PDB file of N, CA and C in Angstrom:
ATOM      1  N   UNK A   1      20.077 -28.461  11.386  1.00  0.00           N
ATOM      2  CA  UNK A   1      21.135 -27.474  11.406  1.00  0.00           C
ATOM      3  C   UNK A   1      20.533 -26.092  11.210  1.00  0.00           C
ATOM      4  N   UNK A   2      21.059 -25.134  11.950  1.00  0.00           N
ATOM      5  CA  UNK A   2      20.615 -23.748  11.833  1.00  0.00           C
ATOM      6  C   UNK A   2      21.511 -23.030  10.842  1.00  0.00           C
ATOM      7  N   UNK A   3      20.896 -22.303   9.904  1.00  0.00           N
ATOM      8  CA  UNK A   3      21.642 -21.556   8.886  1.00  0.00           C
ATOM      9  C   UNK A   3      21.353 -20.068   9.089  1.00  0.00           C
ATOM     10  N   UNK A   4      22.393 -19.240   9.163  1.00  0.00           N
ATOM     11  CA  UNK A   4      22.174 -17.806   9.363  1.00  0.00           C
ATOM     12  C   UNK A   4      21.584 -17.147   8.126  1.00  0.00           C
ATOM     13  N   UNK A   5      20.923 -16.028   8.327  1.00  0.00           N
ATOM     14  CA  UNK A   5      20.316 -15.261   7.256  1.00  0.00           C
ATOM     15  C   UNK A   5      21.344 -14.333   6.607  1.00  0.00           C
ATOM     16  N   UNK A   6      21.205 -14.110   5.321  1.00  0.00           N
ATOM     17  CA  UNK A   6      22.044 -13.194   4.548  1.00  0.00           C
ATOM     18  C   UNK A   6      23.522 -13.486   4.743  1.00  0.00           C
ATOM     19  N   UNK A   7      24.340 -12.458   4.882  1.00  0.00           N
ATOM     20  CA  UNK A   7      25.791 -12.638   4.976  1.00  0.00           C
ATOM     21  C   UNK A   7      26.234 -12.670   6.436  1.00  0.00           C
ATOM     22  N   UNK A   8      25.708 -13.667   7.155  1.00  0.00           N
ATOM     23  CA  UNK A   8      26.085 -13.858   8.550  1.00  0.00           C
ATOM     24  C   UNK A   8      26.679 -15.250   8.715  1.00  0.00           C
ATOM     25  N   UNK A   9      27.425 -15.416   9.791  1.00  0.00           N
ATOM     26  CA  UNK A   9      28.113 -16.672  10.048  1.00  0.00           C
ATOM     27  C   UNK A   9      27.862 -17.057  11.502  1.00  0.00           C
ATOM     28  N   UNK A  10      27.656 -18.345  11.745  1.00  0.00           N
ATOM     29  CA  UNK A  10      27.559 -18.838  13.113  1.00  0.00           C
ATOM     30  C   UNK A  10      28.931 -19.383  13.491  1.00  0.00           C
ATOM     31  N   UNK A  11      29.464 -18.887  14.627  1.00  0.00           N
ATOM     32  CA  UNK A  11      30.825 -19.216  15.050  1.00  0.00           C
ATOM     33  C   UNK A  11      30.798 -19.809  16.451  1.00  0.00           C
ATOM     34  N   UNK A  12      31.560 -20.897  16.635  1.00  0.00           N
ATOM     35  CA  UNK A  12      31.788 -21.456  17.967  1.00  0.00           C
ATOM     36  C   UNK A  12      33.038 -20.777  18.502  1.00  0.00           C
ATOM     37  N   UNK A  13      32.909 -20.061  19.626  1.00  0.00           N
ATOM     38  CA  UNK A  13      34.041 -19.330  20.172  1.00  0.00           C
ATOM     39  C   UNK A  13      35.061 -20.296  20.761  1.00  0.00           C
ATOM     40  N   UNK A  14      36.344 -20.050  20.447  1.00  0.00           N
ATOM     41  CA  UNK A  14      37.459 -20.849  20.940  1.00  0.00           C
ATOM     42  C   UNK A  14      38.422 -19.948  21.687  1.00  0.00           C
ATOM     43  N   UNK A  15      39.329 -20.544  22.444  1.00  0.00           N
ATOM     44  CA  UNK A  15      40.387 -19.776  23.091  1.00  0.00           C
ATOM     45  C   UNK A  15      41.420 -19.423  22.041  1.00  0.00           C
ATOM     46  N   UNK A  16      42.012 -18.236  22.165  1.00  0.00           N
ATOM     47  CA  UNK A  16      43.046 -17.813  21.229  1.00  0.00           C
ATOM     48  C   UNK A  16      44.267 -18.701  21.372  1.00  0.00           C
ATOM     49  N   UNK A  17      44.860 -19.032  20.223  1.00  0.00           N
ATOM     50  CA  UNK A  17      46.086 -19.801  20.209  1.00  0.00           C
ATOM     51  C   UNK A  17      47.269 -18.860  20.177  1.00  0.00           C
ATOM     52  N   UNK A  18      48.394 -19.315  20.680  1.00  0.00           N
ATOM     53  CA  UNK A  18      49.604 -18.499  20.671  1.00  0.00           C
ATOM     54  C   UNK A  18      50.252 -18.486  19.292  1.00  0.00           C
ATOM     55  N   UNK A  19      50.038 -19.505  18.482  1.00  0.00           N
ATOM     56  CA  UNK A  19      50.657 -19.604  17.170  1.00  0.00           C
ATOM     57  C   UNK A  19      49.742 -18.978  16.124  1.00  0.00           C
ATOM     58  N   UNK A  20      50.175 -17.890  15.509  1.00  0.00           N
ATOM     59  CA  UNK A  20      49.355 -17.198  14.521  1.00  0.00           C
ATOM     60  C   UNK A  20      49.843 -17.437  13.102  1.00  0.00           C
ATOM     61  N   UNK A  21      50.537 -18.527  12.850  1.00  0.00           N
ATOM     62  CA  UNK A  21      51.047 -18.788  11.503  1.00  0.00           C
ATOM     63  C   UNK A  21      49.886 -18.986  10.539  1.00  0.00           C
ATOM     64  N   UNK A  22      50.032 -18.471   9.324  1.00  0.00           N
ATOM     65  CA  UNK A  22      48.999 -18.594   8.313  1.00  0.00           C
ATOM     66  C   UNK A  22      47.879 -17.576   8.443  1.00  0.00           C
ATOM     67  N   UNK A  23      48.026 -16.599   9.323  1.00  0.00           N
ATOM     68  CA  UNK A  23      46.992 -15.590   9.537  1.00  0.00           C
ATOM     69  C   UNK A  23      46.897 -14.660   8.338  1.00  0.00           C
ATOM     70  N   UNK A  24      45.712 -14.465   7.806  1.00  0.00           N
ATOM     71  CA  UNK A  24      45.484 -13.588   6.670  1.00  0.00           C
ATOM     72  C   UNK A  24      44.600 -12.445   7.123  1.00  0.00           C
ATOM     73  N   UNK A  25      45.076 -11.216   6.997  1.00  0.00           N
ATOM     74  CA  UNK A  25      44.301 -10.044   7.381  1.00  0.00           C
ATOM     75  C   UNK A  25      43.750  -9.411   6.118  1.00  0.00           C
ATOM     76  N   UNK A  26      42.429  -9.366   5.998  1.00  0.00           N
ATOM     77  CA  UNK A  26      41.803  -8.821   4.795  1.00  0.00           C
ATOM     78  C   UNK A  26      41.971  -7.306   4.753  1.00  0.00           C
ATOM     79  N   UNK A  27      42.334  -6.772   3.616  1.00  0.00           N
ATOM     80  CA  UNK A  27      42.471  -5.335   3.440  1.00  0.00           C
ATOM     81  C   UNK A  27      43.746  -4.763   4.026  1.00  0.00           C
ATOM     82  N   UNK A  28      44.537  -5.580   4.704  1.00  0.00           N
ATOM     83  CA  UNK A  28      45.791  -5.113   5.271  1.00  0.00           C
ATOM     84  C   UNK A  28      45.621  -4.089   6.381  1.00  0.00           C
ATOM     85  N   UNK A  29      44.457  -4.027   6.996  1.00  0.00           N
ATOM     86  CA  UNK A  29      44.185  -3.023   8.031  1.00  0.00           C
ATOM     87  C   UNK A  29      44.958  -3.340   9.303  1.00  0.00           C
ATOM     88  N   UNK A  30      45.399  -2.315   9.985  1.00  0.00           N
ATOM     89  CA  UNK A  30      46.062  -2.458  11.266  1.00  0.00           C
ATOM     90  C   UNK A  30      44.994  -2.607  12.345  1.00  0.00           C
ATOM     91  N   UNK A  31      45.080  -3.664  13.137  1.00  0.00           N
ATOM     92  CA  UNK A  31      44.070  -3.920  14.161  1.00  0.00           C
ATOM     93  C   UNK A  31      44.556  -3.382  15.494  1.00  0.00           C
ATOM     94  N   UNK A  32      43.806  -2.464  16.095  1.00  0.00           N
ATOM     95  CA  UNK A  32      44.217  -1.870  17.361  1.00  0.00           C
ATOM     96  C   UNK A  32      43.277  -2.244  18.510  1.00  0.00           C
ATOM     97  N   UNK A  33      42.445  -3.238  18.336  1.00  0.00           N
ATOM     98  CA  UNK A  33      41.582  -3.707  19.414  1.00  0.00           C
ATOM     99  C   UNK A  33      41.638  -5.232  19.467  1.00  0.00           C
ATOM    100  N   UNK A  34      41.278  -5.796  20.594  1.00  0.00           N
ATOM    101  CA  UNK A  34      41.355  -7.244  20.715  1.00  0.00           C
ATOM    102  C   UNK A  34      40.220  -7.901  19.933  1.00  0.00           C
ATOM    103  N   UNK A  35      40.507  -9.086  19.432  1.00  0.00           N
ATOM    104  CA  UNK A  35      39.542  -9.825  18.633  1.00  0.00           C
ATOM    105  C   UNK A  35      39.184 -11.132  19.317  1.00  0.00           C
ATOM    106  N   UNK A  36      38.014 -11.648  19.007  1.00  0.00           N
ATOM    107  CA  UNK A  36      37.614 -12.966  19.474  1.00  0.00           C
ATOM    108  C   UNK A  36      38.027 -13.982  18.424  1.00  0.00           C
ATOM    109  N   UNK A  37      38.197 -15.219  18.851  1.00  0.00           N
ATOM    110  CA  UNK A  37      38.671 -16.294  17.986  1.00  0.00           C
ATOM    111  C   UNK A  37      37.637 -17.403  17.989  1.00  0.00           C
ATOM    112  N   UNK A  38      37.326 -17.949  16.836  1.00  0.00           N
ATOM    113  CA  UNK A  38      36.344 -19.015  16.772  1.00  0.00           C
ATOM    114  C   UNK A  38      36.436 -19.850  15.524  1.00  0.00           C
ATOM    115  N   UNK A  39      35.558 -20.836  15.444  1.00  0.00           N
ATOM    116  CA  UNK A  39      35.507 -21.759  14.319  1.00  0.00           C
ATOM    117  C   UNK A  39      34.121 -21.662  13.674  1.00  0.00           C
ATOM    118  N   UNK A  40      34.090 -21.531  12.353  1.00  0.00           N
ATOM    119  CA  UNK A  40      32.820 -21.408  11.629  1.00  0.00           C
ATOM    120  C   UNK A  40      32.020 -22.703  11.775  1.00  0.00           C
ATOM    121  N   UNK A  41      30.782 -22.565  12.231  1.00  0.00           N
ATOM    122  CA  UNK A  41      29.867 -23.691  12.400  1.00  0.00           C
ATOM    123  C   UNK A  41      28.890 -23.778  11.228  1.00  0.00           C
ATOM    124  N   UNK A  42      28.387 -22.623  10.776  1.00  0.00           N
ATOM    125  CA  UNK A  42      27.416 -22.574   9.686  1.00  0.00           C
ATOM    126  C   UNK A  42      27.520 -21.213   9.006  1.00  0.00           C
ATOM    127  N   UNK A  43      27.310 -21.181   7.689  1.00  0.00           N
ATOM    128  CA  UNK A  43      27.440 -19.933   6.946  1.00  0.00           C
ATOM    129  C   UNK A  43      26.506 -19.943   5.741  1.00  0.00           C
ATOM    130  N   UNK A  44      26.326 -18.770   5.133  1.00  0.00           N
ATOM    131  CA  UNK A  44      25.494 -18.685   3.939  1.00  0.00           C
ATOM    132  C   UNK A  44      26.319 -18.496   2.676  1.00  0.00           C
ATOM    133  N   UNK A  45      27.624 -18.229   2.811  1.00  0.00           N
ATOM    134  CA  UNK A  45      28.477 -18.088   1.632  1.00  0.00           C
ATOM    135  C   UNK A  45      29.641 -19.061   1.746  1.00  0.00           C
ATOM    136  N   UNK A  46      30.346 -19.262   0.661  1.00  0.00           N
ATOM    137  CA  UNK A  46      31.483 -20.172   0.651  1.00  0.00           C
ATOM    138  C   UNK A  46      32.793 -19.468   0.994  1.00  0.00           C
ATOM    139  N   UNK A  47      32.725 -18.190   1.325  1.00  0.00           N
ATOM    140  CA  UNK A  47      33.942 -17.434   1.621  1.00  0.00           C
ATOM    141  C   UNK A  47      34.677 -18.006   2.832  1.00  0.00           C
ATOM    142  N   UNK A  48      33.920 -18.413   3.859  1.00  0.00           N
ATOM    143  CA  UNK A  48      34.493 -19.001   5.069  1.00  0.00           C
ATOM    144  C   UNK A  48      33.803 -20.342   5.316  1.00  0.00           C
ATOM    145  N   UNK A  49      34.322 -21.435   4.751  1.00  0.00           N
ATOM    146  CA  UNK A  49      33.673 -22.743   4.897  1.00  0.00           C
ATOM    147  C   UNK A  49      33.628 -23.213   6.356  1.00  0.00           C
ATOM    148  N   UNK A  50      32.749 -24.144   6.640  1.00  0.00           N
ATOM    149  CA  UNK A  50      32.629 -24.721   7.975  1.00  0.00           C
ATOM    150  C   UNK A  50      33.997 -25.241   8.420  1.00  0.00           C
ATOM    151  N   UNK A  51      34.355 -24.931   9.665  1.00  0.00           N
ATOM    152  CA  UNK A  51      35.629 -25.378  10.210  1.00  0.00           C
ATOM    153  C   UNK A  51      36.745 -24.347  10.118  1.00  0.00           C
ATOM    154  N   UNK A  52      36.537 -23.271   9.331  1.00  0.00           N
ATOM    155  CA  UNK A  52      37.550 -22.227   9.201  1.00  0.00           C
ATOM    156  C   UNK A  52      37.713 -21.513  10.537  1.00  0.00           C
ATOM    157  N   UNK A  53      38.959 -21.307  10.956  1.00  0.00           N
ATOM    158  CA  UNK A  53      39.247 -20.561  12.186  1.00  0.00           C
ATOM    159  C   UNK A  53      39.294 -19.078  11.840  1.00  0.00           C
ATOM    160  N   UNK A  54      38.518 -18.262  12.561  1.00  0.00           N
ATOM    161  CA  UNK A  54      38.405 -16.839  12.239  1.00  0.00           C
ATOM    162  C   UNK A  54      38.652 -15.972  13.472  1.00  0.00           C
ATOM    163  N   UNK A  55      39.077 -14.742  13.220  1.00  0.00           N
ATOM    164  CA  UNK A  55      39.234 -13.709  14.238  1.00  0.00           C
ATOM    165  C   UNK A  55      38.200 -12.639  13.903  1.00  0.00           C
ATOM    166  N   UNK A  56      37.372 -12.293  14.874  1.00  0.00           N
ATOM    167  CA  UNK A  56      36.261 -11.396  14.575  1.00  0.00           C
ATOM    168  C   UNK A  56      36.065 -10.360  15.670  1.00  0.00           C
ATOM    169  N   UNK A  57      35.426  -9.267  15.277  1.00  0.00           N
ATOM    170  CA  UNK A  57      35.072  -8.211  16.206  1.00  0.00           C
ATOM    171  C   UNK A  57      33.829  -8.636  16.978  1.00  0.00           C
ATOM    172  N   UNK A  58      33.857  -8.472  18.261  1.00  0.00           N
ATOM    173  CA  UNK A  58      32.769  -8.927  19.132  1.00  0.00           C
ATOM    174  C   UNK A  58      31.632  -7.911  19.237  1.00  0.00           C
ATOM    175  N   UNK A  59      31.800  -6.720  18.689  1.00  0.00           N
ATOM    176  CA  UNK A  59      30.866  -5.621  18.927  1.00  0.00           C
ATOM    177  C   UNK A  59      29.450  -5.857  18.416  1.00  0.00           C
ATOM    178  N   UNK A  60      29.295  -6.565  17.315  1.00  0.00           N
ATOM    179  CA  UNK A  60      27.941  -6.715  16.748  1.00  0.00           C
ATOM    180  C   UNK A  60      27.491  -8.171  16.704  1.00  0.00           C
ATOM    181  N   UNK A  61      27.860  -8.946  17.724  1.00  0.00           N
ATOM    182  CA  UNK A  61      27.482 -10.352  17.738  1.00  0.00           C
ATOM    183  C   UNK A  61      26.171 -10.568  18.473  1.00  0.00           C
ATOM    184  N   UNK A  62      25.530 -11.669  18.137  1.00  0.00           N
ATOM    185  CA  UNK A  62      24.351 -12.135  18.870  1.00  0.00           C
ATOM    186  C   UNK A  62      24.670 -13.549  19.336  1.00  0.00           C
ATOM    187  N   UNK A  63      24.153 -13.933  20.494  1.00  0.00           N
ATOM    188  CA  UNK A  63      24.428 -15.270  21.017  1.00  0.00           C
ATOM    189  C   UNK A  63      23.253 -16.195  20.768  1.00  0.00           C
ATOM    190  N   UNK A  64      23.582 -17.476  20.544  1.00  0.00           N
ATOM    191  CA  UNK A  64      22.561 -18.505  20.368  1.00  0.00           C
ATOM    192  C   UNK A  64      23.093 -19.788  21.006  1.00  0.00           C
ATOM    193  N   UNK A  65      22.199 -20.590  21.584  1.00  0.00           N
ATOM    194  CA  UNK A  65      22.585 -21.872  22.157  1.00  0.00           C
ATOM    195  C   UNK A  65      21.969 -22.976  21.311  1.00  0.00           C
ATOM    196  N   UNK A  66      22.817 -23.906  20.875  1.00  0.00           N
ATOM    197  CA  UNK A  66      22.375 -25.065  20.099  1.00  0.00           C
ATOM    198  C   UNK A  66      22.770 -26.283  20.923  1.00  0.00           C
ATOM    199  N   UNK A  67      21.787 -27.031  21.404  1.00  0.00           N
ATOM    200  CA  UNK A  67      22.082 -28.107  22.350  1.00  0.00           C
ATOM    201  C   UNK A  67      22.583 -27.472  23.635  1.00  0.00           C
ATOM    202  N   UNK A  68      23.778 -27.832  24.053  1.00  0.00           N
ATOM    203  CA  UNK A  68      24.384 -27.225  25.241  1.00  0.00           C
ATOM    204  C   UNK A  68      25.542 -26.309  24.876  1.00  0.00           C
ATOM    205  N   UNK A  69      25.770 -26.091  23.600  1.00  0.00           N
ATOM    206  CA  UNK A  69      26.902 -25.290  23.132  1.00  0.00           C
ATOM    207  C   UNK A  69      26.446 -23.874  22.761  1.00  0.00           C
ATOM    208  N   UNK A  70      27.193 -22.874  23.224  1.00  0.00           N
ATOM    209  CA  UNK A  70      26.917 -21.480  22.865  1.00  0.00           C
ATOM    210  C   UNK A  70      27.669 -21.105  21.590  1.00  0.00           C
ATOM    211  N   UNK A  71      26.999 -20.351  20.733  1.00  0.00           N
ATOM    212  CA  UNK A  71      27.572 -19.875  19.475  1.00  0.00           C
ATOM    213  C   UNK A  71      27.324 -18.382  19.351  1.00  0.00           C
ATOM    214  N   UNK A  72      28.041 -17.740  18.439  1.00  0.00           N
ATOM    215  CA  UNK A  72      27.847 -16.328  18.119  1.00  0.00           C
ATOM    216  C   UNK A  72      27.380 -16.240  16.670  1.00  0.00           C
ATOM    217  N   UNK A  73      26.452 -15.333  16.405  1.00  0.00           N
ATOM    218  CA  UNK A  73      26.045 -15.036  15.032  1.00  0.00           C
ATOM    219  C   UNK A  73      26.653 -13.679  14.708  1.00  0.00           C
ATOM    220  N   UNK A  74      27.493 -13.651  13.685  1.00  0.00           N
ATOM    221  CA  UNK A  74      28.208 -12.418  13.352  1.00  0.00           C
ATOM    222  C   UNK A  74      28.057 -12.096  11.870  1.00  0.00           C
ATOM    223  N   UNK A  75      28.036 -10.814  11.524  1.00  0.00           N
ATOM    224  CA  UNK A  75      28.036 -10.439  10.108  1.00  0.00           C
ATOM    225  C   UNK A  75      29.384 -10.822   9.483  1.00  0.00           C
ATOM    226  N   UNK A  76      29.348 -11.286   8.270  1.00  0.00           N
ATOM    227  CA  UNK A  76      30.572 -11.688   7.564  1.00  0.00           C
ATOM    228  C   UNK A  76      31.613 -10.566   7.547  1.00  0.00           C
ATOM    229  N   UNK A  77      31.179  -9.318   7.446  1.00  0.00           N
ATOM    230  CA  UNK A  77      32.106  -8.185   7.373  1.00  0.00           C
ATOM    231  C   UNK A  77      32.864  -7.967   8.683  1.00  0.00           C
ATOM    232  N   UNK A  78      32.395  -8.561   9.797  1.00  0.00           N
ATOM    233  CA  UNK A  78      33.091  -8.408  11.073  1.00  0.00           C
ATOM    234  C   UNK A  78      34.228  -9.407  11.254  1.00  0.00           C
ATOM    235  N   UNK A  79      34.434 -10.297  10.271  1.00  0.00           N
ATOM    236  CA  UNK A  79      35.589 -11.184  10.328  1.00  0.00           C
ATOM    237  C   UNK A  79      36.790 -10.396   9.853  1.00  0.00           C
ATOM    238  N   UNK A  80      37.755 -10.210  10.760  1.00  0.00           N
ATOM    239  CA  UNK A  80      38.929  -9.384  10.470  1.00  0.00           C
ATOM    240  C   UNK A  80      40.069 -10.189   9.870  1.00  0.00           C
ATOM    241  N   UNK A  81      40.130 -11.510  10.184  1.00  0.00           N
ATOM    242  CA  UNK A  81      41.209 -12.349   9.688  1.00  0.00           C
ATOM    243  C   UNK A  81      40.776 -13.808   9.799  1.00  0.00           C
ATOM    244  N   UNK A  82      41.479 -14.690   9.060  1.00  0.00           N
ATOM    245  CA  UNK A  82      41.198 -16.108   9.139  1.00  0.00           C
ATOM    246  C   UNK A  82      42.485 -16.892   8.925  1.00  0.00           C
ATOM    247  N   UNK A  83      42.494 -18.159   9.333  1.00  0.00           N
ATOM    248  CA  UNK A  83      43.657 -19.019   9.156  1.00  0.00           C
ATOM    249  C   UNK A  83      43.483 -19.845   7.904  1.00  0.00           C
ATOM    250  N   UNK A  84      44.551 -19.964   7.150  1.00  0.00           N
ATOM    251  CA  UNK A  84      44.555 -20.781   5.931  1.00  0.00           C
ATOM    252  C   UNK A  84      45.186 -22.114   6.211  1.00  0.00           C
TER     253      UNK A  84
END
């Protein structure tokens, strides 16, 4: 298993769902740009455990391929919201 360095998270990108129930926006910030949606694959902190569905900013991501699956490596601070 690949583990990201410092406060980064490896995310498997998913298609956005129409149902946003349980969405938690950290800091209560108003989001005026589109976000990517994914599932946490690996992390270095317990803030977003494996399997957590997250909405993140795509601007500072890096791509990695594990097997035949593509993943994104993103800084933890770029997660704008998550599902509970």
